[in-house]
Amino acid sequence: MTDGLRVVVDRDACCGSGNCVRTAPEVFDQDDAEGLVVLRQPEPPERLHGAVREAAYNCPAGAIEVVEQRPGGAA
């Protein structure tokens, strides 16, 4: 069994750059009103893990946290 990944976003920290949406559009979106991050998949499938990590690394506001989860739900 592979480890899981959980994504947490901080909308208060988000600056609306859109890097996350360009990098992982299946996981992130932006709201129409303010352009702030909207999390579409808090526990994305394994095939998207690389893109999610890249989005978190490249977020200029540091508004994306990636939490690695072990089998059984332990973080």
Protein backbone atom coordinates (compact mmCIF):
# COMPACT_ATOMS: atom_id res chain seq x y z
CA MET A 1 0.00 0.00 0.00
CA THR A 2 1.33 3.45 -0.88
CA ASP A 3 1.39 6.39 1.46
CA GLY A 4 -1.28 9.04 1.06
CA LEU A 5 -1.07 12.76 0.86
CA ARG A 6 -3.35 15.43 2.31
CA VAL A 7 -3.38 19.04 1.14
CA VAL A 8 -4.19 22.00 3.38
CA VAL A 9 -4.53 25.55 2.06
CA ASP A 10 -4.51 28.86 3.93
CA ARG A 11 -6.82 31.24 2.07
CA ASP A 12 -5.80 34.08 4.40
CA ALA A 13 -2.19 33.72 3.26
CA CYS A 14 -3.02 33.22 -0.45
CA CYS A 15 -1.95 36.08 -2.74
CA GLY A 16 -3.87 34.81 -5.79
CA SER A 17 -0.88 34.23 -8.08
CA GLY A 18 -2.55 31.19 -9.69
CA ASN A 19 0.65 29.11 -9.78
CA CYS A 20 -1.13 26.24 -8.05
CA VAL A 21 -3.95 26.17 -10.60
CA ARG A 22 -1.49 26.13 -13.51
CA THR A 23 0.55 23.36 -11.87
CA ALA A 24 -2.24 21.09 -10.56
CA PRO A 25 -5.63 22.18 -11.96
CA GLU A 26 -7.32 18.96 -10.83
CA VAL A 27 -6.48 19.80 -7.22
CA PHE A 28 -6.60 23.61 -7.06
CA ASP A 29 -8.89 26.31 -8.41
CA GLN A 30 -9.36 30.03 -7.76
CA ASP A 31 -12.57 31.70 -6.68
CA ASP A 32 -14.11 34.24 -9.04
CA ALA A 33 -14.50 36.98 -6.45
CA GLU A 34 -10.94 37.37 -5.14
CA GLY A 35 -8.86 34.90 -7.11
CA LEU A 36 -7.93 33.03 -3.93
CA VAL A 37 -7.14 29.34 -3.82
CA VAL A 38 -9.96 26.81 -3.68
CA LEU A 39 -9.04 23.23 -2.79
CA ARG A 40 -10.82 20.79 -5.07
CA GLN A 41 -9.22 17.56 -3.82
CA PRO A 42 -7.84 17.54 -0.26
CA GLU A 43 -6.60 13.95 -0.74
CA PRO A 44 -5.52 13.74 -4.39
CA PRO A 45 -4.70 10.45 -6.11
CA GLU A 46 -1.09 9.32 -6.23
CA ARG A 47 -0.69 10.32 -9.88
CA LEU A 48 -1.08 13.98 -8.82
CA HIS A 49 1.28 13.95 -5.84
CA GLY A 50 4.26 15.29 -7.79
CA ALA A 51 2.26 18.22 -9.16
CA VAL A 52 0.83 19.00 -5.71
CA ARG A 53 4.31 19.04 -4.14
CA GLU A 54 5.53 21.31 -6.95
CA ALA A 55 2.58 23.67 -6.44
CA ALA A 56 3.29 23.88 -2.70
CA TYR A 57 7.01 24.48 -3.28
CA ASN A 58 6.33 27.24 -5.83
CA CYS A 59 3.54 29.01 -3.92
CA PRO A 60 4.89 32.55 -3.38
CA ALA A 61 2.73 33.02 -0.27
CA GLY A 62 3.46 29.62 1.30
CA ALA A 63 -0.30 29.04 1.46
CA ILE A 64 -0.18 25.32 0.57
CA GLU A 65 0.82 22.63 3.05
CA VAL A 66 1.39 19.03 2.01
CA VAL A 67 0.91 16.47 4.78
CA GLU A 68 2.33 13.03 4.06
CA GLN A 69 0.13 10.28 5.48
CA ARG A 70 1.20 6.76 6.33
CA PRO A 71 -1.07 3.78 5.77
CA GLY A 72 -3.78 3.70 8.39
CA GLY A 73 -4.24 7.47 8.35
CA ALA A 74 -1.28 8.42 10.56
CA ALA A 75 0.42 11.66 9.56
